[in-house]
């Protein structure tokens, strides 16, 4: 895992876009600039990571795309 994390960090530093798929929210918050969630095959909108909380991500994970998204949008 450490090697994969180093590779992600290197790509980010070089300006590349990196797609990280993880259930580890700590990891997501460490590397993400935007967060989207897939629930039952449905991809949510991507929201700025600084506007997201564990609760909002939990809502997205539970399928409440509109509610979590509206809360993230109002954070701006």
Protein backbone atom coordinates (compact mmCIF):
# COMPACT_ATOMS: atom_id res chain seq x y z
CA UNK A 1 0.00 0.00 0.00
CA UNK A 2 2.83 2.40 0.79
CA UNK A 3 4.25 2.02 -2.71
CA UNK A 4 0.86 2.69 -4.29
CA UNK A 5 0.47 5.79 -2.12
CA UNK A 6 3.90 7.07 -3.18
CA UNK A 7 2.95 6.61 -6.82
CA UNK A 8 -0.31 8.51 -6.31
CA UNK A 9 1.57 11.33 -4.58
CA UNK A 10 4.13 11.49 -7.42
CA UNK A 11 1.38 11.68 -10.04
CA UNK A 12 -0.43 14.43 -8.14
CA UNK A 13 2.75 16.46 -7.78
CA UNK A 14 3.34 16.19 -11.53
CA UNK A 15 -0.12 17.63 -12.20
CA UNK A 16 -1.79 14.43 -13.31
CA UNK A 17 -5.38 13.59 -12.46
CA UNK A 18 -5.64 10.49 -10.29
CA UNK A 19 -8.75 8.41 -9.66
CA UNK A 20 -8.65 6.82 -6.21
CA UNK A 21 -11.24 4.19 -5.32
CA UNK A 22 -11.24 3.43 -1.63
CA UNK A 23 -13.48 2.72 1.34
CA UNK A 24 -10.88 4.31 3.62
CA UNK A 25 -12.26 7.81 4.22
CA UNK A 26 -9.07 8.96 5.94
CA UNK A 27 -7.15 8.12 2.77
CA UNK A 28 -9.73 9.88 0.61
CA UNK A 29 -9.56 13.06 2.69
CA UNK A 30 -5.75 13.01 2.54
CA UNK A 31 -5.46 12.90 -1.25
CA UNK A 32 -8.75 14.10 -2.76
CA UNK A 33 -9.49 17.51 -4.16
CA UNK A 34 -12.94 16.33 -5.27
CA UNK A 35 -15.09 13.48 -3.97
CA UNK A 36 -17.76 11.45 -5.77
CA UNK A 37 -19.44 8.25 -4.63
CA UNK A 38 -20.79 5.25 -6.52
CA UNK A 39 -23.92 3.71 -5.02
CA UNK A 40 -25.83 0.89 -6.74
CA UNK A 41 -24.10 1.70 -10.03
CA UNK A 42 -24.96 5.40 -9.83
CA UNK A 43 -22.17 7.98 -9.70
CA UNK A 44 -22.85 11.10 -7.69
CA UNK A 45 -21.67 14.49 -8.76
CA UNK A 46 -18.13 15.37 -7.70
CA UNK A 47 -17.90 17.87 -4.85
CA UNK A 48 -14.92 19.81 -3.51
CA UNK A 49 -13.28 17.71 -0.80
CA UNK A 50 -13.08 20.67 1.59
CA UNK A 51 -16.90 20.90 1.51
CA UNK A 52 -17.43 17.24 2.34
CA UNK A 53 -17.77 15.59 5.73
CA UNK A 54 -17.99 11.95 6.74
CA UNK A 55 -21.73 12.49 7.19
CA UNK A 56 -22.19 13.87 3.67
CA UNK A 57 -20.16 11.01 2.20
CA UNK A 58 -22.27 8.58 4.25
CA UNK A 59 -25.42 10.07 2.74
CA UNK A 60 -24.00 9.62 -0.75
CA UNK A 61 -22.97 6.05 0.08
CA UNK A 62 -26.54 5.38 1.23
CA UNK A 63 -27.97 6.68 -2.03
CA UNK A 64 -29.09 10.12 -0.86
CA UNK A 65 -27.35 11.86 -3.77
CA UNK A 66 -29.60 14.90 -3.90
CA UNK A 67 -29.54 15.66 -0.16
CA UNK A 68 -25.77 15.29 0.30
CA UNK A 69 -25.11 17.19 -2.89
CA UNK A 70 -27.36 20.06 -1.89
CA UNK A 71 -25.58 20.32 1.46
CA UNK A 72 -22.17 20.35 -0.21
CA UNK A 73 -23.32 22.96 -2.73
CA UNK A 74 -24.54 25.26 0.07
CA UNK A 75 -21.15 25.07 1.77
CA UNK A 76 -19.71 27.36 -0.93
